[in-house]
C-alpha cells in the first residue's frame, strides 16, 4: 500500500503514504472487532488510505486532479499485480545512488519491509537514534532531488540491485534470528523470500546473485521447524531433527543455486548459499563436510572481512580442526568494537572453552553472553549451558533475575 501510494503521489509524498496507511490500519483496529472483518480486507484498507490521502492533499490544494487516476490504480482487479511491481520499484527508489548507502538500506527496511528503528539498529549493530537519523536523511534527499519512482536504466541497475539485495539479506537475518520473545519471525523470512523471488524472476533484475540470495533464503528457512521446539527451546544444528527439514524447499534452493552459476561474478551470496547447501545435503551432523565449509568461509572472509564472518569462520575451523584452532581464529576478533554487545561472540567462546576443558572460563563467557541482548529462546539456552557448568545435576533456576 505504501509503495503504490508513493507511485501515485510521487516520492516527495512518501511520508504522507506512510501516514495514511497507518491511519487505515488504526481505523481497522477500531472498527473490525465490532463490525466484522470485511470480505476483502486489502481493498477496504486501500480505499480508506486513498480517501485519507485525498483529504489531506485537497486541504493542501495539491494533486486534487488525481482522483480518477487513483480510482483506476486502486481497483481490486489490479491491486495484486500492481503491488508486486510497486514494491520492487519502491526498493529501487530507496536505494537510489543520490542517497548514501547506509541510509538507503535503513530507508528500505523501514518503508518497504516495515522494520521499526530498533530492528534496523540491531541489523546494523548501531544505536537506535543513529538508525532514525539515517531514515530522516534519506527521505529528505528523495524530496530535495525529486527522485523518480521507476526501475533504473540498465547502466544504473547493477549498483542499485546490490543495495536492494543487501537490504533483503538484512531483512531475512532479522527474521531468522530475532531478538524478541521468539527466535524466528516467520513473517519476515517469508516476505524476504517473496521479494527476493520477485527480483530473481523479473526481466529487468534477474541476475545470478539474485538466484544465489534466494537459494540462501530457501536453504536456511528449510530448517526453521527444527530450530525451535514446542516449548520454544532452541536446538543447535547438531541436535536438530532433520526429518523436520522442508525437503521441497531444499530442492528449490538447490535449483536456484544451480541457476546462480550462470554468471561470471562470484558474490558473497553464492558462497553463503554454498555453505547452506553443504548443511542441507548432509545426512546427519557427523557427516557434515566441515573442511569444505571452512574453505568457503575463507573465500567469504577474503571477500568480506567483517567480524561476523570471522566469527562464523572460526566455528567452521573449530569443527574441522578442533576447538583450540577455533579459539585461535576467534582471538583476532574478540576485541572488535562492533561485537562488544553481540551475544554470539561470548556464547561461541563459551562453547569452545567448554569443549577445550576450561569450565570456569566457559562459564564466564556464558554469563557475559546473557548480559547481551538476544531472543528469549537463546537466553534460555545460555542459562542451561551456564548451569550445566556451575551446578551440574541441579534443576534449572532463573539466572536472569
Protein backbone atom coordinates (compact mmCIF):
# COMPACT_ATOMS: atom_id res chain seq x y z
CA UNK A 1 0.00 0.00 0.00
CA UNK A 2 2.81 2.43 0.87
CA UNK A 3 4.61 1.56 -2.36
CA UNK A 4 1.51 2.03 -4.51
CA UNK A 5 0.59 5.34 -2.86
CA UNK A 6 4.15 6.56 -3.36
CA UNK A 7 3.96 5.71 -7.05
CA UNK A 8 0.67 7.57 -7.47
CA UNK A 9 1.52 10.70 -5.47
CA UNK A 10 5.25 10.75 -6.14
CA UNK A 11 8.28 10.06 -3.91
CA UNK A 12 8.09 13.54 -2.35
CA UNK A 13 4.88 12.38 -0.64
CA UNK A 14 6.37 9.17 0.79
CA UNK A 15 5.74 10.42 4.32
CA UNK A 16 2.08 11.02 3.51
CA UNK A 17 1.78 7.49 2.12
CA UNK A 18 3.14 6.02 5.34
CA UNK A 19 0.85 8.19 7.46
CA UNK A 20 -2.40 7.34 5.65
CA UNK A 21 -1.61 3.62 5.66
CA UNK A 22 -1.12 3.82 9.42
CA UNK A 23 -4.42 5.71 9.71
CA UNK A 24 -6.18 2.98 7.75
CA UNK A 25 -4.74 0.26 9.98
CA UNK A 26 -5.80 2.14 13.11
CA UNK A 27 -9.32 2.51 11.74
CA UNK A 28 -9.42 -1.22 11.02
CA UNK A 29 -8.38 -1.98 14.62
CA UNK A 30 -11.17 0.28 15.85
CA UNK A 31 -13.96 -0.97 13.56
CA UNK A 32 -13.34 -4.59 12.61
CA UNK A 33 -13.74 -6.09 16.12
CA UNK A 34 -17.27 -4.63 16.23
CA UNK A 35 -18.38 -4.74 12.58
CA UNK A 36 -16.51 -7.85 11.49
CA UNK A 37 -13.63 -8.27 9.04
CA UNK A 38 -14.53 -7.11 5.51
CA UNK A 39 -14.84 -9.68 2.75
CA UNK A 40 -11.82 -8.07 1.04
CA UNK A 41 -9.63 -6.58 3.80
CA UNK A 42 -6.95 -5.30 1.39
CA UNK A 43 -9.49 -3.42 -0.71
CA UNK A 44 -11.06 -1.94 2.45
CA UNK A 45 -7.72 -0.72 3.79
CA UNK A 46 -6.70 0.63 0.41
CA UNK A 47 -9.95 2.56 -0.01
CA UNK A 48 -9.63 4.12 3.46
CA UNK A 49 -5.99 5.07 2.82
CA UNK A 50 -6.86 6.51 -0.60
CA UNK A 51 -9.64 8.74 0.77
CA UNK A 52 -7.48 9.87 3.67
CA UNK A 53 -4.69 10.84 1.26
CA UNK A 54 -7.10 12.75 -0.95
CA UNK A 55 -8.48 14.63 2.04
CA UNK A 56 -5.01 15.72 3.10
CA UNK A 57 -4.00 16.76 -0.39
CA UNK A 58 -7.22 18.66 -1.06
CA UNK A 59 -6.59 20.67 2.08
CA UNK A 60 -3.16 21.43 0.71
CA UNK A 61 -4.61 22.17 -2.77
CA UNK A 62 -2.17 19.65 -4.24
CA UNK A 63 -2.88 16.83 -6.73
CA UNK A 64 -6.65 17.23 -6.46
CA UNK A 65 -6.94 16.30 -10.13
CA UNK A 66 -5.59 12.79 -9.46
CA UNK A 67 -8.91 11.34 -8.25
CA UNK A 68 -9.65 9.41 -11.45
CA UNK A 69 -6.11 8.04 -11.64
CA UNK A 70 -6.38 6.87 -8.04
CA UNK A 71 -9.65 5.10 -8.76
CA UNK A 72 -8.02 3.21 -11.62
CA UNK A 73 -4.84 2.44 -9.68
CA UNK A 74 -6.67 1.06 -6.68
CA UNK A 75 -9.24 -1.13 -8.45
CA UNK A 76 -9.36 -4.51 -6.72
CA UNK A 77 -8.81 -6.37 -10.01
CA UNK A 78 -5.41 -4.72 -10.49
CA UNK A 79 -4.21 -4.34 -6.94
CA UNK A 80 -2.32 -7.63 -6.52
CA UNK A 81 -0.28 -7.23 -9.71
CA UNK A 82 0.32 -3.52 -9.10
CA UNK A 83 1.52 -4.19 -5.57
CA UNK A 84 4.18 -6.65 -6.70
CA UNK A 85 5.75 -4.27 -9.22
CA UNK A 86 5.31 -1.25 -6.95
CA UNK A 87 7.21 -2.88 -4.10
CA UNK A 88 10.13 -3.72 -6.37
CA UNK A 89 10.16 -0.16 -7.75
CA UNK A 90 9.93 1.22 -4.21
CA UNK A 91 13.02 -0.73 -3.20
CA UNK A 92 14.95 0.72 -6.12
CA UNK A 93 13.75 4.23 -5.24
CA UNK A 94 15.00 3.84 -1.67
CA UNK A 95 18.34 2.54 -3.00
CA UNK A 96 18.94 5.50 -5.36
CA UNK A 97 22.63 6.50 -5.73
CA UNK A 98 21.80 10.03 -4.52
CA UNK A 99 21.02 8.51 -1.11
CA UNK A 100 24.09 7.40 0.94
CA UNK A 101 24.48 3.66 1.15
CA UNK A 102 23.80 3.29 4.87
CA UNK A 103 20.71 5.49 4.59
CA UNK A 104 19.44 3.53 1.56
CA UNK A 105 19.36 0.30 3.47
CA UNK A 106 17.76 1.82 6.54
CA UNK A 107 15.03 3.54 4.50
CA UNK A 108 14.22 0.38 2.54
CA UNK A 109 13.96 -1.67 5.72
CA UNK A 110 11.65 0.96 7.20
CA UNK A 111 9.45 1.80 4.21
CA UNK A 112 9.26 -1.40 2.17
CA UNK A 113 9.91 -4.05 4.81
CA UNK A 114 8.12 -2.45 7.77
CA UNK A 115 11.03 -2.57 10.22
CA UNK A 116 10.99 -0.43 13.36
CA UNK A 117 14.01 1.72 14.13
CA UNK A 118 15.04 -0.72 16.88
CA UNK A 119 15.13 -3.62 14.43
CA UNK A 120 17.13 -1.53 11.95
CA UNK A 121 19.60 -0.58 14.67
CA UNK A 122 20.12 -4.27 15.54
CA UNK A 123 20.62 -5.15 11.87
CA UNK A 124 23.47 -2.61 11.58
CA UNK A 125 24.78 -3.01 15.16
CA UNK A 126 24.23 0.74 15.76
CA UNK A 127 22.28 2.93 18.20
CA UNK A 128 18.55 3.43 17.58
CA UNK A 129 18.98 7.22 17.31
CA UNK A 130 21.56 6.73 14.55
CA UNK A 131 19.14 4.49 12.64
CA UNK A 132 16.38 7.10 12.90
CA UNK A 133 18.73 9.81 11.62
CA UNK A 134 19.62 7.72 8.57
CA UNK A 135 15.94 7.33 7.67
CA UNK A 136 15.21 11.06 8.06
CA UNK A 137 18.26 11.94 5.94
CA UNK A 138 17.22 9.54 3.16
CA UNK A 139 13.66 10.91 2.97
CA UNK A 140 14.97 14.46 2.84
CA UNK A 141 17.31 13.64 -0.06
CA UNK A 142 14.49 11.99 -2.01
CA UNK A 143 12.39 15.15 -1.65
CA UNK A 144 15.24 17.54 -2.42
CA UNK A 145 16.41 15.66 -5.53
CA UNK A 146 12.84 14.84 -6.66
CA UNK A 147 13.88 11.27 -7.36
CA UNK A 148 11.83 9.14 -9.75
CA UNK A 149 9.66 6.16 -8.81
CA UNK A 150 10.71 3.72 -11.52
CA UNK A 151 13.19 0.96 -12.21
CA UNK A 152 16.56 2.49 -13.19
CA UNK A 153 18.22 2.32 -16.58
CA UNK A 154 20.41 -0.70 -17.25
CA UNK A 155 23.58 1.34 -16.64
CA UNK A 156 22.46 2.13 -13.07
CA UNK A 157 20.78 -1.17 -12.30
CA UNK A 158 23.79 -3.12 -11.00
CA UNK A 159 24.71 -0.68 -8.22
CA UNK A 160 21.15 -0.29 -7.01
CA UNK A 161 20.44 -4.00 -7.28
CA UNK A 162 23.32 -4.70 -4.89
CA UNK A 163 21.74 -2.38 -2.30
CA UNK A 164 18.32 -3.99 -2.78
CA UNK A 165 19.76 -7.47 -2.25
CA UNK A 166 21.70 -6.39 0.82
CA UNK A 167 18.50 -4.98 2.29
CA UNK A 168 16.70 -8.25 1.70
CA UNK A 169 19.64 -10.07 3.31
CA UNK A 170 19.35 -7.95 6.46
CA UNK A 171 15.59 -8.42 6.49
CA UNK A 172 15.91 -12.21 6.34
CA UNK A 173 18.57 -12.22 9.07
CA UNK A 174 16.30 -10.26 11.39
CA UNK A 175 13.53 -12.78 10.81
CA UNK A 176 15.79 -15.83 11.13
CA UNK A 177 17.47 -14.71 14.35
CA UNK A 178 15.19 -12.19 16.01
CA UNK A 179 15.99 -10.52 19.33
CA UNK A 180 12.42 -10.72 20.63
CA UNK A 181 10.44 -13.31 22.55
CA UNK A 182 10.62 -15.66 19.58
CA UNK A 183 13.80 -16.73 17.84
CA UNK A 184 12.05 -16.85 14.46
CA UNK A 185 9.90 -14.19 12.83
CA UNK A 186 8.43 -16.29 10.07
CA UNK A 187 6.64 -13.29 8.55
CA UNK A 188 9.94 -11.53 7.84
CA UNK A 189 11.56 -14.68 6.47
CA UNK A 190 8.67 -15.37 4.10
CA UNK A 191 8.47 -11.73 2.96
CA UNK A 192 12.22 -11.77 2.26
CA UNK A 193 11.79 -14.90 0.16
CA UNK A 194 8.84 -13.38 -1.72
CA UNK A 195 10.67 -10.15 -2.55
CA UNK A 196 13.89 -11.99 -3.49
CA UNK A 197 11.86 -14.22 -5.80
CA UNK A 198 10.30 -11.13 -7.36
CA UNK A 199 13.76 -9.69 -8.07
CA UNK A 200 15.11 -13.01 -9.35
CA UNK A 201 12.20 -13.58 -11.74
CA UNK A 202 11.67 -10.01 -13.01
CA UNK A 203 13.01 -9.49 -16.52
CA UNK A 204 14.83 -6.26 -15.62
CA UNK A 205 16.50 -7.52 -12.45
CA UNK A 206 17.09 -11.24 -12.95
CA UNK A 207 20.78 -11.81 -12.24
CA UNK A 208 22.86 -14.71 -10.87
CA UNK A 209 23.30 -13.01 -7.49
CA UNK A 210 19.51 -12.76 -7.14
CA UNK A 211 19.17 -16.50 -7.58
CA UNK A 212 22.06 -17.05 -5.14
CA UNK A 213 20.40 -14.91 -2.47
CA UNK A 214 17.06 -16.64 -2.98
CA UNK A 215 18.82 -20.02 -2.75
CA UNK A 216 20.37 -18.95 0.57
CA UNK A 217 16.98 -17.92 1.97
CA UNK A 218 15.29 -21.13 0.86
CA UNK A 219 18.02 -23.41 2.21
CA UNK A 220 18.22 -21.61 5.55
CA UNK A 221 14.46 -21.38 6.07
CA UNK A 222 14.06 -25.08 5.24
CA UNK A 223 15.48 -25.80 8.73
CA UNK A 224 13.11 -23.44 10.57
CA UNK A 225 10.74 -26.05 12.02
CA UNK A 226 13.63 -27.96 13.60
CA UNK A 227 15.35 -24.93 15.19
CA UNK A 228 12.81 -24.33 17.96
CA UNK A 229 10.96 -27.00 19.94
CA UNK A 230 7.27 -26.98 21.00
CA UNK A 231 8.18 -25.26 24.29
CA UNK A 232 10.17 -22.58 22.46
CA UNK A 233 13.57 -24.11 23.22
CA UNK A 234 16.46 -23.53 20.82
CA UNK A 235 18.02 -26.54 19.08
CA UNK A 236 21.51 -26.19 17.65
CA UNK A 237 22.29 -27.74 14.29
CA UNK A 238 23.80 -30.80 15.92
CA UNK A 239 20.58 -31.51 17.85
CA UNK A 240 18.01 -30.82 15.14
CA UNK A 241 15.60 -33.47 13.90
CA UNK A 242 16.43 -33.43 10.20
CA UNK A 243 13.22 -35.22 9.31
CA UNK A 244 11.52 -31.88 10.03
CA UNK A 245 13.55 -30.07 7.40
CA UNK A 246 11.49 -28.94 4.40
CA UNK A 247 12.85 -31.11 1.59
CA UNK A 248 10.77 -29.34 -1.05
CA UNK A 249 12.29 -26.00 -0.08
CA UNK A 250 15.79 -27.54 -0.05
CA UNK A 251 15.21 -28.87 -3.57
CA UNK A 252 14.08 -25.43 -4.78
CA UNK A 253 17.06 -23.82 -3.05
CA UNK A 254 19.49 -26.17 -4.80
CA UNK A 255 17.78 -25.43 -8.13
CA UNK A 256 18.17 -21.70 -7.58
CA UNK A 257 21.81 -22.21 -6.56
CA UNK A 258 22.41 -24.03 -9.83
CA UNK A 259 20.81 -21.11 -11.71
CA UNK A 260 23.13 -18.68 -9.94
CA UNK A 261 26.16 -20.38 -11.50
CA UNK A 262 25.31 -18.95 -14.94
CA UNK A 263 27.29 -15.73 -14.49
CA UNK A 264 30.99 -14.96 -14.16
CA UNK A 265 30.76 -12.96 -10.92
CA UNK A 266 31.16 -14.72 -7.58
CA UNK A 267 29.34 -12.93 -4.76
CA UNK A 268 29.02 -13.37 -1.01
CA UNK A 269 25.54 -14.78 -1.60
CA UNK A 270 26.97 -17.57 -3.78
CA UNK A 271 29.40 -18.57 -1.02
CA UNK A 272 26.83 -18.38 1.79
CA UNK A 273 24.34 -20.36 -0.28
CA UNK A 274 27.06 -22.95 -0.89
CA UNK A 275 27.61 -23.21 2.87
CA UNK A 276 23.87 -23.58 3.47
CA UNK A 277 23.71 -26.25 0.76
CA UNK A 278 26.53 -28.21 2.44
CA UNK A 279 24.49 -28.30 5.65
CA UNK A 280 21.20 -29.05 3.89
CA UNK A 281 22.57 -32.02 1.97
CA UNK A 282 24.48 -33.64 4.85
CA UNK A 283 22.55 -36.74 6.01
CA UNK A 284 23.45 -36.01 9.65
CA UNK A 285 25.64 -33.67 11.68
CA UNK A 286 28.58 -36.08 11.85
CA UNK A 287 28.65 -36.34 8.07
CA UNK A 288 28.90 -32.57 7.56
CA UNK A 289 31.91 -31.63 5.41
CA UNK A 290 33.31 -29.01 7.78
CA UNK A 291 36.64 -28.77 5.93
CA UNK A 292 34.78 -27.73 2.76
CA UNK A 293 32.64 -25.27 4.73
CA UNK A 294 35.77 -23.76 6.29
CA UNK A 295 37.24 -23.30 2.78
CA UNK A 296 34.09 -21.45 1.70
CA UNK A 297 34.35 -19.24 4.78
CA UNK A 298 37.98 -18.50 3.89
CA UNK A 299 36.81 -17.23 0.49
CA UNK A 300 33.95 -15.32 2.09
CA UNK A 301 36.25 -13.65 4.60
CA UNK A 302 38.67 -12.65 1.83
CA UNK A 303 35.72 -11.02 0.06
CA UNK A 304 34.14 -9.52 3.19
CA UNK A 305 36.49 -9.39 6.21
CA UNK A 306 33.73 -8.48 8.68
CA UNK A 307 33.85 -9.58 12.33
CA UNK A 308 30.60 -11.56 11.95
CA UNK A 309 32.03 -13.55 9.03
CA UNK A 310 35.20 -14.11 11.10
CA UNK A 311 33.06 -15.46 13.95
CA UNK A 312 31.25 -17.94 11.70
CA UNK A 313 34.53 -18.91 10.06
CA UNK A 314 36.02 -19.69 13.48
CA UNK A 315 33.15 -22.09 14.23
CA UNK A 316 33.80 -23.96 10.97
CA UNK A 317 37.53 -24.11 11.78
CA UNK A 318 36.74 -25.45 15.26
CA UNK A 319 34.54 -28.18 13.80
CA UNK A 320 37.11 -29.20 11.19
CA UNK A 321 40.36 -28.72 13.16
CA UNK A 322 39.37 -28.72 16.83
CA UNK A 323 38.31 -26.21 19.49
CA UNK A 324 41.81 -24.79 20.05
CA UNK A 325 42.08 -23.89 16.35
CA UNK A 326 38.71 -22.19 16.58
CA UNK A 327 39.78 -20.21 19.66
CA UNK A 328 42.93 -19.03 17.89
CA UNK A 329 40.78 -17.81 14.99
CA UNK A 330 38.43 -16.00 17.38
CA UNK A 331 41.30 -14.24 19.13
CA UNK A 332 41.61 -11.98 16.07
CA UNK A 333 38.11 -10.50 16.55
CA UNK A 334 37.38 -10.93 20.26
CA UNK A 335 38.05 -7.27 20.98
CA UNK A 336 36.29 -5.87 17.91
CA UNK A 337 34.04 -2.95 18.96
CA UNK A 338 31.20 -4.00 16.61
CA UNK A 339 30.88 -7.27 18.57
CA UNK A 340 31.02 -5.69 22.02
CA UNK A 341 27.30 -6.39 22.65
CA UNK A 342 26.87 -9.25 20.19
CA UNK A 343 25.81 -12.26 22.26
CA UNK A 344 27.02 -14.87 19.77
CA UNK A 345 30.67 -13.97 20.30
CA UNK A 346 30.84 -14.79 24.04
CA UNK A 347 28.39 -17.68 23.51
CA UNK A 348 30.71 -19.22 20.92
CA UNK A 349 33.74 -18.64 23.13
CA UNK A 350 31.89 -20.32 25.98
CA UNK A 351 31.11 -23.38 23.86
CA UNK A 352 34.70 -23.70 22.59
CA UNK A 353 36.34 -23.20 26.00
CA UNK A 354 33.96 -25.80 27.43
CA UNK A 355 34.94 -28.26 24.68
CA UNK A 356 38.60 -27.47 25.42
CA UNK A 357 38.07 -28.46 29.07
CA UNK A 358 38.18 -25.00 30.68
CA UNK A 359 34.85 -24.98 32.53
CA UNK A 360 35.44 -21.85 34.62
CA UNK A 361 36.42 -19.78 31.61
CA UNK A 362 33.46 -21.15 29.64
CA UNK A 363 31.05 -20.20 32.43
CA UNK A 364 32.35 -16.62 32.48
CA UNK A 365 31.72 -16.28 28.75
CA UNK A 366 28.19 -17.72 29.00
CA UNK A 367 27.49 -15.24 31.79
CA UNK A 368 28.77 -12.41 29.57
CA UNK A 369 26.57 -13.60 26.71
CA UNK A 370 23.49 -13.47 28.98
CA UNK A 371 24.22 -9.79 29.62
CA UNK A 372 23.79 -9.03 25.90
CA UNK A 373 20.54 -8.56 24.03
CA UNK A 374 19.21 -11.76 22.48
CA UNK A 375 15.97 -13.65 21.92
CA UNK A 376 14.19 -15.40 24.79
CA UNK A 377 14.95 -18.92 23.41
CA UNK A 378 18.63 -18.04 23.07
CA UNK A 379 18.70 -16.67 26.63
CA UNK A 380 17.19 -19.90 27.98
CA UNK A 381 19.78 -21.88 26.04
CA UNK A 382 22.60 -19.80 27.51
CA UNK A 383 21.20 -20.25 31.02
CA UNK A 384 21.18 -24.02 30.57
CA UNK A 385 24.79 -24.03 29.35
CA UNK A 386 25.86 -21.93 32.34
CA UNK A 387 24.00 -24.08 34.86
CA UNK A 388 25.37 -27.33 33.46
CA UNK A 389 28.85 -26.00 34.24
CA UNK A 390 28.38 -24.32 37.64
CA UNK A 391 25.60 -26.53 39.04
CA UNK A 392 25.82 -29.91 37.32
CA UNK A 393 22.91 -32.20 38.13
CA UNK A 394 20.79 -29.48 39.77
CA UNK A 395 17.41 -28.31 38.49
CA UNK A 396 17.13 -25.19 36.41
CA UNK A 397 16.88 -21.81 38.11
CA UNK A 398 16.28 -18.40 36.59
CA UNK A 399 19.65 -16.68 36.28
CA UNK A 400 18.29 -13.51 34.69
CA UNK A 401 16.72 -12.03 37.87
